[in-house]
Amino acid sequence: MIFLFFMLVAEPPTILVVRSESPTYETFNIAFERELEADFGHFTTETLVVERKKGHEPFSKAMAKPPRVLVMVDRWPAELYTWWLEEKAPPDFTPPPAILLYNVQIEKHINKIPNSTGIRFNIPAVTGIINLRSISPEIKRVGVLYRPILATQFERERRLAKPEGVELVGHQLSTKTTVNEIKSGLRALKRNKVQAYWLFNDPHMLTPELLSKAWIPRVEQYRIPVIVGVNSLMGRVKLGNLAIFPDIEGLAGQAFQIVLDLEDNEWQAAEIGLQHPHSVKKYFNRANWPRRLFINDQILNEEFDAIITLE
């Protein structure tokens, strides 16, 4: 008698990547899928690209069969998921682990989304300042403008910087920031003898109008070095002397490691914790660098990824 044994092979867990349309997010998506492919088909991926303020119907369709892991790139997918949980989720829905990326409001969304974790979008101020001090050691006082919603985060940044001998000097703006507020805030920080500015990745403070009418004129006038966390500010807008931002390849690898950690933790995100990017890129722009501040060219050439001059 011959017995035939059939082994049922379970389908590999599906990871759904929901992202907004952006070349940066597309590059991350490709790098993330490459990390998954290197794991020999242990996971499968699906991608949903949504427009800002749209995508409710396709997102609902994608969630008809919930993924094993939900990866949300940009803050709008997190807003979509929050809406779906409140309006469309079935009563017996068990939230899969969610990983949030490229989200300037990540703490707010993690508080609203169950079983979620992620990687912060902002590189800590102290990381940028330490890198700037590596080429210009005399910088010790750094000015920061922030809106009320970022007051708690500013205090966290200030505490992180203090052990490194860096004093973060804050100036709080109103919720609806104006051109005059930015101008007066930068002037107040200058009078407070700051030696550099550090910028939050807050889109409400970095609108085209605020950049062209407040940030750029004041920075060019004062010739105070600026640390930014978005490469496009230095490249397209020409604001900033040091851009320090997440390395996309490194971020993809870090996100994949979170997926593996979730699997080890029975798909529960509570013990994973919110993370900072492990790998960063450092670009330096010589334009408008004040002559009063020394630059260590040897360290600049050895430790920075790109050195440019954008007038």
C-alpha atoms as a PDB file:
ATOM      1  CA  MET A   1       0.000   0.000   0.000  1.00  0.00           C
ATOM      2  CA  ILE A   2       1.351   3.329  -0.978  1.00  0.00           C
ATOM      3  CA  PHE A   3       0.534   6.325   1.169  1.00  0.00           C
ATOM      4  CA  LEU A   4       0.760   9.769  -0.300  1.00  0.00           C
ATOM      5  CA  PHE A   5       1.476  12.547   2.096  1.00  0.00           C
ATOM      6  CA  PHE A   6       0.679  16.054   1.041  1.00  0.00           C
ATOM      7  CA  MET A   7       2.296  18.861   2.872  1.00  0.00           C
ATOM      8  CA  LEU A   8       0.335  22.066   2.847  1.00  0.00           C
ATOM      9  CA  VAL A   9       2.726  24.920   2.323  1.00  0.00           C
ATOM     10  CA  ALA A  10       1.507  28.121   3.876  1.00  0.00           C
ATOM     11  CA  GLU A  11       1.572  31.232   1.769  1.00  0.00           C
ATOM     12  CA  PRO A  12       4.432  33.571   2.699  1.00  0.00           C
ATOM     13  CA  PRO A  13       3.396  36.560   4.823  1.00  0.00           C
ATOM     14  CA  THR A  14       2.390  39.600   2.783  1.00  0.00           C
ATOM     15  CA  ILE A  15       3.808  43.030   3.434  1.00  0.00           C
ATOM     16  CA  LEU A  16       1.681  45.880   2.098  1.00  0.00           C
ATOM     17  CA  VAL A  17       3.609  49.089   1.389  1.00  0.00           C
ATOM     18  CA  VAL A  18       1.344  52.141   1.159  1.00  0.00           C
ATOM     19  CA  ARG A  19       3.153  55.272   0.051  1.00  0.00           C
ATOM     20  CA  SER A  20       2.555  58.692  -1.397  1.00  0.00           C
ATOM     21  CA  GLU A  21       3.880  59.565  -4.850  1.00  0.00           C
ATOM     22  CA  SER A  22       7.482  60.759  -4.573  1.00  0.00           C
ATOM     23  CA  PRO A  23      10.831  59.812  -6.157  1.00  0.00           C
ATOM     24  CA  THR A  24      12.305  59.397  -2.669  1.00  0.00           C
ATOM     25  CA  TYR A  25       9.517  57.057  -1.567  1.00  0.00           C
ATOM     26  CA  GLU A  26       9.804  55.079  -4.800  1.00  0.00           C
ATOM     27  CA  THR A  27      13.553  54.650  -4.238  1.00  0.00           C
ATOM     28  CA  PHE A  28      12.866  53.459  -0.689  1.00  0.00           C
ATOM     29  CA  ASN A  29      10.221  51.039  -2.001  1.00  0.00           C
ATOM     30  CA  ILE A  30      12.694  49.504  -4.493  1.00  0.00           C
ATOM     31  CA  ALA A  31      15.414  49.206  -1.838  1.00  0.00           C
ATOM     32  CA  PHE A  32      12.972  47.637   0.636  1.00  0.00           C
ATOM     33  CA  GLU A  33      11.810  45.062  -1.923  1.00  0.00           C
ATOM     34  CA  ARG A  34      15.460  44.254  -2.642  1.00  0.00           C
ATOM     35  CA  GLU A  35      15.963  43.517   1.068  1.00  0.00           C
ATOM     36  CA  LEU A  36      12.952  41.195   1.009  1.00  0.00           C
ATOM     37  CA  GLU A  37      14.149  39.392  -2.128  1.00  0.00           C
ATOM     38  CA  ALA A  38      17.457  38.692  -0.419  1.00  0.00           C
ATOM     39  CA  ASP A  39      15.481  36.739   2.177  1.00  0.00           C
ATOM     40  CA  PHE A  40      14.667  34.105  -0.486  1.00  0.00           C
ATOM     41  CA  GLY A  41      10.939  34.627  -0.796  1.00  0.00           C
ATOM     42  CA  HIS A  42      10.121  34.409   2.890  1.00  0.00           C
ATOM     43  CA  PHE A  43       7.819  37.413   2.393  1.00  0.00           C
ATOM     44  CA  THR A  44       5.791  38.757  -0.501  1.00  0.00           C
ATOM     45  CA  THR A  45       5.125  42.449  -1.078  1.00  0.00           C
ATOM     46  CA  GLU A  46       2.339  44.533  -2.516  1.00  0.00           C
ATOM     47  CA  THR A  47       2.516  48.278  -3.114  1.00  0.00           C
ATOM     48  CA  LEU A  48      -0.270  50.832  -3.120  1.00  0.00           C
ATOM     49  CA  VAL A  49       0.583  54.374  -4.258  1.00  0.00           C
ATOM     50  CA  VAL A  50      -1.946  56.981  -3.115  1.00  0.00           C
ATOM     51  CA  GLU A  51      -2.370  60.662  -3.855  1.00  0.00           C
ATOM     52  CA  ARG A  52      -2.426  63.126  -1.002  1.00  0.00           C
ATOM     53  CA  LYS A  53      -5.967  63.652   0.317  1.00  0.00           C
ATOM     54  CA  LYS A  54      -7.185  60.760  -1.868  1.00  0.00           C
ATOM     55  CA  GLY A  55      -6.983  56.975  -2.005  1.00  0.00           C
ATOM     56  CA  HIS A  56      -9.777  56.005   0.377  1.00  0.00           C
ATOM     57  CA  GLU A  57     -11.380  53.487  -1.978  1.00  0.00           C
ATOM     58  CA  PRO A  58      -8.198  51.682  -3.141  1.00  0.00           C
ATOM     59  CA  PHE A  59      -6.952  51.557   0.438  1.00  0.00           C
ATOM     60  CA  SER A  60     -10.220  49.985   1.577  1.00  0.00           C
ATOM     61  CA  LYS A  61      -9.939  47.391  -1.193  1.00  0.00           C
ATOM     62  CA  ALA A  62      -6.357  46.589  -0.197  1.00  0.00           C
ATOM     63  CA  MET A  63      -7.440  46.075   3.413  1.00  0.00           C
ATOM     64  CA  ALA A  64     -10.199  43.626   2.429  1.00  0.00           C
ATOM     65  CA  LYS A  65      -7.529  40.968   2.926  1.00  0.00           C
ATOM     66  CA  PRO A  66      -5.338  42.448   5.674  1.00  0.00           C
ATOM     67  CA  PRO A  67      -1.561  42.041   5.214  1.00  0.00           C
ATOM     68  CA  ARG A  68       0.724  40.448   7.772  1.00  0.00           C
ATOM     69  CA  VAL A  69       2.610  43.776   8.050  1.00  0.00           C
ATOM     70  CA  LEU A  70       1.550  47.244   6.942  1.00  0.00           C
ATOM     71  CA  VAL A  71       4.330  49.676   5.965  1.00  0.00           C
ATOM     72  CA  MET A  72       3.223  53.304   5.611  1.00  0.00           C
ATOM     73  CA  VAL A  73       5.579  55.723   3.887  1.00  0.00           C
ATOM     74  CA  ASP A  74       4.688  59.408   4.445  1.00  0.00           C
ATOM     75  CA  ARG A  75       2.075  60.776   6.814  1.00  0.00           C
ATOM     76  CA  TRP A  76      -0.888  60.597   4.422  1.00  0.00           C
ATOM     77  CA  PRO A  77      -1.043  56.755   4.372  1.00  0.00           C
ATOM     78  CA  ALA A  78      -1.110  56.907   8.184  1.00  0.00           C
ATOM     79  CA  GLU A  79      -4.022  59.345   7.981  1.00  0.00           C
ATOM     80  CA  LEU A  80      -5.777  56.958   5.569  1.00  0.00           C
ATOM     81  CA  TYR A  81      -5.290  54.014   7.905  1.00  0.00           C
ATOM     82  CA  THR A  82      -6.558  56.026  10.886  1.00  0.00           C
ATOM     83  CA  TRP A  83      -9.677  56.921   8.873  1.00  0.00           C
ATOM     84  CA  TRP A  84     -10.177  53.277   7.824  1.00  0.00           C
ATOM     85  CA  LEU A  85      -9.841  52.047  11.417  1.00  0.00           C
ATOM     86  CA  GLU A  86     -12.481  54.534  12.566  1.00  0.00           C
ATOM     87  CA  GLU A  87     -14.907  54.248   9.653  1.00  0.00           C
ATOM     88  CA  LYS A  88     -14.457  50.959   7.797  1.00  0.00           C
ATOM     89  CA  ALA A  89     -12.722  48.318   9.922  1.00  0.00           C
ATOM     90  CA  PRO A  90     -14.914  45.323  10.761  1.00  0.00           C
ATOM     91  CA  PRO A  91     -15.765  44.842  14.462  1.00  0.00           C
ATOM     92  CA  ASP A  92     -13.566  41.740  14.762  1.00  0.00           C
ATOM     93  CA  PHE A  93     -10.566  43.307  12.966  1.00  0.00           C
ATOM     94  CA  THR A  94      -7.193  42.475  14.521  1.00  0.00           C
ATOM     95  CA  PRO A  95      -4.699  45.209  13.559  1.00  0.00           C
ATOM     96  CA  PRO A  96      -1.547  43.854  11.918  1.00  0.00           C
ATOM     97  CA  PRO A  97       1.731  45.435  12.974  1.00  0.00           C
ATOM     98  CA  ALA A  98       2.279  48.759  11.226  1.00  0.00           C
ATOM     99  CA  ILE A  99       5.632  50.420  10.465  1.00  0.00           C
ATOM    100  CA  LEU A 100       5.570  54.182   9.923  1.00  0.00           C
ATOM    101  CA  LEU A 101       8.280  55.964   7.909  1.00  0.00           C
ATOM    102  CA  TYR A 102       8.965  59.456   6.526  1.00  0.00           C
ATOM    103  CA  ASN A 103       6.321  60.835   8.869  1.00  0.00           C
ATOM    104  CA  VAL A 104       6.884  64.214  10.553  1.00  0.00           C
ATOM    105  CA  GLN A 105       3.921  63.514  12.863  1.00  0.00           C
ATOM    106  CA  ILE A 106       4.939  59.978  13.756  1.00  0.00           C
ATOM    107  CA  GLU A 107       4.269  60.252  17.494  1.00  0.00           C
ATOM    108  CA  LYS A 108       0.723  61.490  16.883  1.00  0.00           C
ATOM    109  CA  HIS A 109      -0.042  58.665  14.461  1.00  0.00           C
ATOM    110  CA  ILE A 110       1.525  55.941  16.603  1.00  0.00           C
ATOM    111  CA  ASN A 111      -0.720  57.048  19.472  1.00  0.00           C
ATOM    112  CA  LYS A 112      -3.740  56.592  17.196  1.00  0.00           C
ATOM    113  CA  ILE A 113      -2.721  53.399  15.381  1.00  0.00           C
ATOM    114  CA  PRO A 114      -2.707  50.186  17.437  1.00  0.00           C
ATOM    115  CA  ASN A 115       0.209  47.757  17.184  1.00  0.00           C
ATOM    116  CA  SER A 116       2.463  50.281  15.458  1.00  0.00           C
ATOM    117  CA  THR A 117       6.105  51.309  15.506  1.00  0.00           C
ATOM    118  CA  GLY A 118       8.391  53.112  13.098  1.00  0.00           C
ATOM    119  CA  ILE A 119      11.498  55.120  12.320  1.00  0.00           C
ATOM    120  CA  ARG A 120      11.552  58.825  13.061  1.00  0.00           C
ATOM    121  CA  PHE A 121      11.870  61.221  10.129  1.00  0.00           C
ATOM    122  CA  ASN A 122      13.830  63.860  12.038  1.00  0.00           C
ATOM    123  CA  ILE A 123      17.504  63.167  12.612  1.00  0.00           C
ATOM    124  CA  PRO A 124      18.189  64.304  16.209  1.00  0.00           C
ATOM    125  CA  ALA A 125      19.519  67.856  16.364  1.00  0.00           C
ATOM    126  CA  VAL A 126      22.547  66.698  18.325  1.00  0.00           C
ATOM    127  CA  THR A 127      23.609  64.396  15.458  1.00  0.00           C
ATOM    128  CA  GLY A 128      23.731  67.294  13.007  1.00  0.00           C
ATOM    129  CA  ILE A 129      25.378  69.609  15.517  1.00  0.00           C
ATOM    130  CA  ILE A 130      28.108  67.092  16.394  1.00  0.00           C
ATOM    131  CA  ASN A 131      28.878  66.671  12.700  1.00  0.00           C
ATOM    132  CA  LEU A 132      28.993  70.437  12.208  1.00  0.00           C
ATOM    133  CA  ARG A 133      31.261  70.798  15.247  1.00  0.00           C
ATOM    134  CA  SER A 134      33.597  68.163  13.845  1.00  0.00           C
ATOM    135  CA  ILE A 135      34.605  70.707  11.201  1.00  0.00           C
ATOM    136  CA  SER A 136      33.927  73.874  13.226  1.00  0.00           C
ATOM    137  CA  PRO A 137      34.506  73.105  16.929  1.00  0.00           C
ATOM    138  CA  GLU A 138      33.618  76.530  18.344  1.00  0.00           C
ATOM    139  CA  ILE A 139      29.878  76.101  17.703  1.00  0.00           C
ATOM    140  CA  LYS A 140      28.186  75.640  21.083  1.00  0.00           C
ATOM    141  CA  ARG A 141      24.893  77.589  20.930  1.00  0.00           C
ATOM    142  CA  VAL A 142      22.324  76.586  18.318  1.00  0.00           C
ATOM    143  CA  GLY A 143      19.011  78.347  17.694  1.00  0.00           C
ATOM    144  CA  VAL A 144      15.746  76.545  16.934  1.00  0.00           C
ATOM    145  CA  LEU A 145      12.375  77.921  15.841  1.00  0.00           C
ATOM    146  CA  TYR A 146       9.396  75.690  16.593  1.00  0.00           C
ATOM    147  CA  ARG A 147       5.593  75.750  16.677  1.00  0.00           C
ATOM    148  CA  PRO A 148       3.655  74.819  19.861  1.00  0.00           C
ATOM    149  CA  ILE A 149       2.963  71.307  18.535  1.00  0.00           C
ATOM    150  CA  LEU A 150       6.731  70.664  18.591  1.00  0.00           C
ATOM    151  CA  ALA A 151       7.398  72.072  22.070  1.00  0.00           C
ATOM    152  CA  THR A 152       7.739  68.638  23.671  1.00  0.00           C
ATOM    153  CA  GLN A 153      10.033  67.463  20.903  1.00  0.00           C
ATOM    154  CA  PHE A 154      12.173  70.589  21.274  1.00  0.00           C
ATOM    155  CA  GLU A 155      12.631  69.824  24.976  1.00  0.00           C
ATOM    156  CA  ARG A 156      13.662  66.272  24.081  1.00  0.00           C
ATOM    157  CA  GLU A 157      16.184  67.605  21.566  1.00  0.00           C
ATOM    158  CA  ARG A 158      17.504  70.079  24.127  1.00  0.00           C
ATOM    159  CA  ARG A 159      18.053  67.336  26.711  1.00  0.00           C
ATOM    160  CA  LEU A 160      19.849  65.125  24.160  1.00  0.00           C
ATOM    161  CA  ALA A 161      22.187  67.967  23.188  1.00  0.00           C
ATOM    162  CA  LYS A 162      23.136  69.066  26.712  1.00  0.00           C
ATOM    163  CA  PRO A 163      25.520  66.148  27.551  1.00  0.00           C
ATOM    164  CA  GLU A 164      27.455  66.991  24.364  1.00  0.00           C
ATOM    165  CA  GLY A 165      28.122  70.521  25.583  1.00  0.00           C
ATOM    166  CA  VAL A 166      25.609  72.016  23.142  1.00  0.00           C
ATOM    167  CA  GLU A 167      22.959  74.489  24.240  1.00  0.00           C
ATOM    168  CA  LEU A 168      19.802  74.549  22.133  1.00  0.00           C
ATOM    169  CA  VAL A 169      18.189  77.991  22.342  1.00  0.00           C
ATOM    170  CA  GLY A 170      14.508  77.856  21.412  1.00  0.00           C
ATOM    171  CA  HIS A 171      12.061  80.439  20.148  1.00  0.00           C
ATOM    172  CA  GLN A 172       8.414  79.393  19.973  1.00  0.00           C
ATOM    173  CA  LEU A 173       6.238  80.635  17.121  1.00  0.00           C
ATOM    174  CA  SER A 174       2.461  80.569  16.772  1.00  0.00           C
ATOM    175  CA  THR A 175       0.609  77.623  15.261  1.00  0.00           C
ATOM    176  CA  LYS A 176      -0.040  79.545  12.017  1.00  0.00           C
ATOM    177  CA  THR A 177       3.443  80.805  11.332  1.00  0.00           C
ATOM    178  CA  THR A 178       3.875  84.021   9.330  1.00  0.00           C
ATOM    179  CA  VAL A 179       6.741  85.591   7.402  1.00  0.00           C
ATOM    180  CA  ASN A 180       7.194  88.277  10.063  1.00  0.00           C
ATOM    181  CA  GLU A 181       7.282  85.668  12.821  1.00  0.00           C
ATOM    182  CA  ILE A 182      10.084  83.753  11.118  1.00  0.00           C
ATOM    183  CA  LYS A 183      12.037  86.962  10.530  1.00  0.00           C
ATOM    184  CA  SER A 184      11.620  88.202  14.107  1.00  0.00           C
ATOM    185  CA  GLY A 185      12.346  84.736  15.510  1.00  0.00           C
ATOM    186  CA  LEU A 186      15.625  84.432  13.613  1.00  0.00           C
ATOM    187  CA  ARG A 187      16.551  87.965  14.672  1.00  0.00           C
ATOM    188  CA  ALA A 188      15.790  87.162  18.333  1.00  0.00           C
ATOM    189  CA  LEU A 189      17.978  84.060  18.185  1.00  0.00           C
ATOM    190  CA  LYS A 190      20.797  86.051  16.589  1.00  0.00           C
ATOM    191  CA  ARG A 191      20.586  88.595  19.401  1.00  0.00           C
ATOM    192  CA  ASN A 192      20.765  85.631  21.769  1.00  0.00           C
ATOM    193  CA  LYS A 193      24.194  84.947  20.233  1.00  0.00           C
ATOM    194  CA  VAL A 194      23.466  81.603  18.606  1.00  0.00           C
ATOM    195  CA  GLN A 195      26.232  80.335  16.298  1.00  0.00           C
ATOM    196  CA  ALA A 196      24.043  78.142  14.077  1.00  0.00           C
ATOM    197  CA  TYR A 197      20.400  77.378  13.317  1.00  0.00           C
ATOM    198  CA  TRP A 198      18.834  73.906  13.305  1.00  0.00           C
ATOM    199  CA  LEU A 199      15.577  73.376  11.401  1.00  0.00           C
ATOM    200  CA  PHE A 200      12.753  71.040  12.307  1.00  0.00           C
ATOM    201  CA  ASN A 201      11.298  69.132   9.341  1.00  0.00           C
ATOM    202  CA  ASP A 202       8.022  70.963   9.847  1.00  0.00           C
ATOM    203  CA  PRO A 203       6.263  71.666   6.528  1.00  0.00           C
ATOM    204  CA  HIS A 204       4.170  74.422   8.130  1.00  0.00           C
ATOM    205  CA  MET A 205       7.366  76.409   8.782  1.00  0.00           C
ATOM    206  CA  LEU A 206       8.928  75.618   5.404  1.00  0.00           C
ATOM    207  CA  THR A 207       6.310  76.691   2.879  1.00  0.00           C
ATOM    208  CA  PRO A 208       7.549  78.284  -0.382  1.00  0.00           C
ATOM    209  CA  GLU A 209       6.430  81.713   0.864  1.00  0.00           C
ATOM    210  CA  LEU A 210       8.172  81.390   4.231  1.00  0.00           C
ATOM    211  CA  LEU A 211      11.333  80.078   2.591  1.00  0.00           C
ATOM    212  CA  SER A 212      11.582  82.799  -0.065  1.00  0.00           C
ATOM    213  CA  LYS A 213      10.428  85.746   2.047  1.00  0.00           C
ATOM    214  CA  ALA A 214      11.807  84.928   5.492  1.00  0.00           C
ATOM    215  CA  TRP A 215      14.288  82.057   5.846  1.00  0.00           C
ATOM    216  CA  ILE A 216      16.563  82.671   2.867  1.00  0.00           C
ATOM    217  CA  PRO A 217      16.803  86.495   3.147  1.00  0.00           C
ATOM    218  CA  ARG A 218      17.499  86.385   6.885  1.00  0.00           C
ATOM    219  CA  VAL A 219      20.052  83.560   6.667  1.00  0.00           C
ATOM    220  CA  GLU A 220      21.910  85.309   3.848  1.00  0.00           C
ATOM    221  CA  GLN A 221      21.867  88.548   5.841  1.00  0.00           C
ATOM    222  CA  TYR A 222      23.092  87.058   9.114  1.00  0.00           C
ATOM    223  CA  ARG A 223      25.524  84.512   7.593  1.00  0.00           C
ATOM    224  CA  ILE A 224      24.814  82.027  10.376  1.00  0.00           C
ATOM    225  CA  PRO A 225      25.299  78.323   9.434  1.00  0.00           C
ATOM    226  CA  VAL A 226      22.103  76.305   9.011  1.00  0.00           C
ATOM    227  CA  ILE A 227      21.573  72.581   9.660  1.00  0.00           C
ATOM    228  CA  VAL A 228      18.700  70.989   7.742  1.00  0.00           C
ATOM    229  CA  GLY A 229      17.281  67.471   7.717  1.00  0.00           C
ATOM    230  CA  VAL A 230      16.037  67.378   4.119  1.00  0.00           C
ATOM    231  CA  ASN A 231      18.451  67.298   1.203  1.00  0.00           C
ATOM    232  CA  SER A 232      16.015  69.126  -1.087  1.00  0.00           C
ATOM    233  CA  LEU A 233      16.222  72.231   1.115  1.00  0.00           C
ATOM    234  CA  MET A 234      19.916  72.499   0.333  1.00  0.00           C
ATOM    235  CA  GLY A 235      19.653  71.311  -3.268  1.00  0.00           C
ATOM    236  CA  ARG A 236      16.544  72.984  -4.692  1.00  0.00           C
ATOM    237  CA  VAL A 237      15.916  75.772  -2.199  1.00  0.00           C
ATOM    238  CA  LYS A 238      19.594  76.495  -1.473  1.00  0.00           C
ATOM    239  CA  LEU A 239      19.026  76.770   2.264  1.00  0.00           C
ATOM    240  CA  GLY A 240      21.508  75.150   4.601  1.00  0.00           C
ATOM    241  CA  ASN A 241      25.214  74.490   5.076  1.00  0.00           C
ATOM    242  CA  LEU A 242      24.822  70.981   6.464  1.00  0.00           C
ATOM    243  CA  ALA A 243      22.122  68.596   5.279  1.00  0.00           C
ATOM    244  CA  ILE A 244      21.956  65.433   7.348  1.00  0.00           C
ATOM    245  CA  PHE A 245      19.213  63.029   6.344  1.00  0.00           C
ATOM    246  CA  PRO A 246      18.373  59.302   6.400  1.00  0.00           C
ATOM    247  CA  ASP A 247      20.274  57.119   3.953  1.00  0.00           C
ATOM    248  CA  ILE A 248      17.548  55.466   1.858  1.00  0.00           C
ATOM    249  CA  GLU A 249      19.353  52.127   1.510  1.00  0.00           C
ATOM    250  CA  GLY A 250      20.054  52.083   5.223  1.00  0.00           C
ATOM    251  CA  LEU A 251      16.460  52.984   6.036  1.00  0.00           C
ATOM    252  CA  ALA A 252      15.205  50.097   3.874  1.00  0.00           C
ATOM    253  CA  GLY A 253      17.493  47.672   5.685  1.00  0.00           C
ATOM    254  CA  GLN A 254      16.411  49.029   9.065  1.00  0.00           C
ATOM    255  CA  ALA A 255      12.727  48.686   8.141  1.00  0.00           C
ATOM    256  CA  PHE A 256      13.327  45.096   7.025  1.00  0.00           C
ATOM    257  CA  GLN A 257      15.030  44.340  10.345  1.00  0.00           C
ATOM    258  CA  ILE A 258      11.920  45.648  12.128  1.00  0.00           C
ATOM    259  CA  VAL A 259       9.840  43.171  10.085  1.00  0.00           C
ATOM    260  CA  LEU A 260      12.115  40.338  11.274  1.00  0.00           C
ATOM    261  CA  ASP A 261      11.881  41.595  14.872  1.00  0.00           C
ATOM    262  CA  LEU A 262       8.093  41.674  14.594  1.00  0.00           C
ATOM    263  CA  GLU A 263       8.083  38.068  13.411  1.00  0.00           C
ATOM    264  CA  ASP A 264      10.229  37.092  16.406  1.00  0.00           C
ATOM    265  CA  ASN A 265       7.808  38.956  18.705  1.00  0.00           C
ATOM    266  CA  GLU A 266       4.707  37.175  17.343  1.00  0.00           C
ATOM    267  CA  TRP A 267       3.793  40.217  15.256  1.00  0.00           C
ATOM    268  CA  GLN A 268       3.451  42.534  18.246  1.00  0.00           C
ATOM    269  CA  ALA A 269       5.028  45.990  17.913  1.00  0.00           C
ATOM    270  CA  ALA A 270       4.861  47.025  21.577  1.00  0.00           C
ATOM    271  CA  GLU A 271       8.383  45.818  22.403  1.00  0.00           C
ATOM    272  CA  ILE A 272      10.011  47.112  19.209  1.00  0.00           C
ATOM    273  CA  GLY A 273       9.932  50.800  20.075  1.00  0.00           C
ATOM    274  CA  LEU A 274      10.221  53.907  17.938  1.00  0.00           C
ATOM    275  CA  GLN A 275      13.677  54.200  16.374  1.00  0.00           C
ATOM    276  CA  HIS A 276      15.958  56.879  14.960  1.00  0.00           C
ATOM    277  CA  PRO A 277      17.544  56.266  11.541  1.00  0.00           C
ATOM    278  CA  HIS A 278      20.713  54.187  11.961  1.00  0.00           C
ATOM    279  CA  SER A 279      22.402  55.397   8.776  1.00  0.00           C
ATOM    280  CA  VAL A 280      22.616  58.990   7.521  1.00  0.00           C
ATOM    281  CA  LYS A 281      24.024  60.964   4.607  1.00  0.00           C
ATOM    282  CA  LYS A 282      25.963  64.190   5.217  1.00  0.00           C
ATOM    283  CA  TYR A 283      26.188  66.929   2.583  1.00  0.00           C
ATOM    284  CA  PHE A 284      28.062  70.178   3.162  1.00  0.00           C
ATOM    285  CA  ASN A 285      27.486  73.436   1.285  1.00  0.00           C
ATOM    286  CA  ARG A 286      30.284  76.032   1.446  1.00  0.00           C
ATOM    287  CA  ALA A 287      28.108  78.889   0.163  1.00  0.00           C
ATOM    288  CA  ASN A 288      27.601  81.762   2.637  1.00  0.00           C
ATOM    289  CA  TRP A 289      29.821  80.096   5.228  1.00  0.00           C
ATOM    290  CA  PRO A 290      30.897  82.878   7.623  1.00  0.00           C
ATOM    291  CA  ARG A 291      34.604  83.720   7.506  1.00  0.00           C
ATOM    292  CA  ARG A 292      34.658  84.039  11.292  1.00  0.00           C
ATOM    293  CA  LEU A 293      34.156  80.270  11.659  1.00  0.00           C
ATOM    294  CA  PHE A 294      37.006  77.828  11.063  1.00  0.00           C
ATOM    295  CA  ILE A 295      36.532  74.794   8.778  1.00  0.00           C
ATOM    296  CA  ASN A 296      38.590  71.633   9.235  1.00  0.00           C
ATOM    297  CA  ASP A 297      38.955  70.646   5.582  1.00  0.00           C
ATOM    298  CA  GLN A 298      40.620  67.322   6.360  1.00  0.00           C
ATOM    299  CA  ILE A 299      37.657  66.032   8.377  1.00  0.00           C
ATOM    300  CA  LEU A 300      35.256  67.570   5.870  1.00  0.00           C
ATOM    301  CA  ASN A 301      36.860  65.624   3.022  1.00  0.00           C
ATOM    302  CA  GLU A 302      37.187  62.380   4.969  1.00  0.00           C
ATOM    303  CA  GLU A 303      33.817  62.123   6.725  1.00  0.00           C
ATOM    304  CA  PHE A 304      31.214  63.903   4.583  1.00  0.00           C
ATOM    305  CA  ASP A 305      29.427  62.275   1.653  1.00  0.00           C
ATOM    306  CA  ALA A 306      29.351  65.334  -0.587  1.00  0.00           C
ATOM    307  CA  ILE A 307      30.865  68.839  -0.556  1.00  0.00           C
ATOM    308  CA  ILE A 308      29.163  71.379  -2.782  1.00  0.00           C
ATOM    309  CA  THR A 309      28.919  75.137  -3.319  1.00  0.00           C
ATOM    310  CA  LEU A 310      25.427  76.384  -4.140  1.00  0.00           C
ATOM    311  CA  GLU A 311      25.261  80.158  -4.336  1.00  0.00           C
END
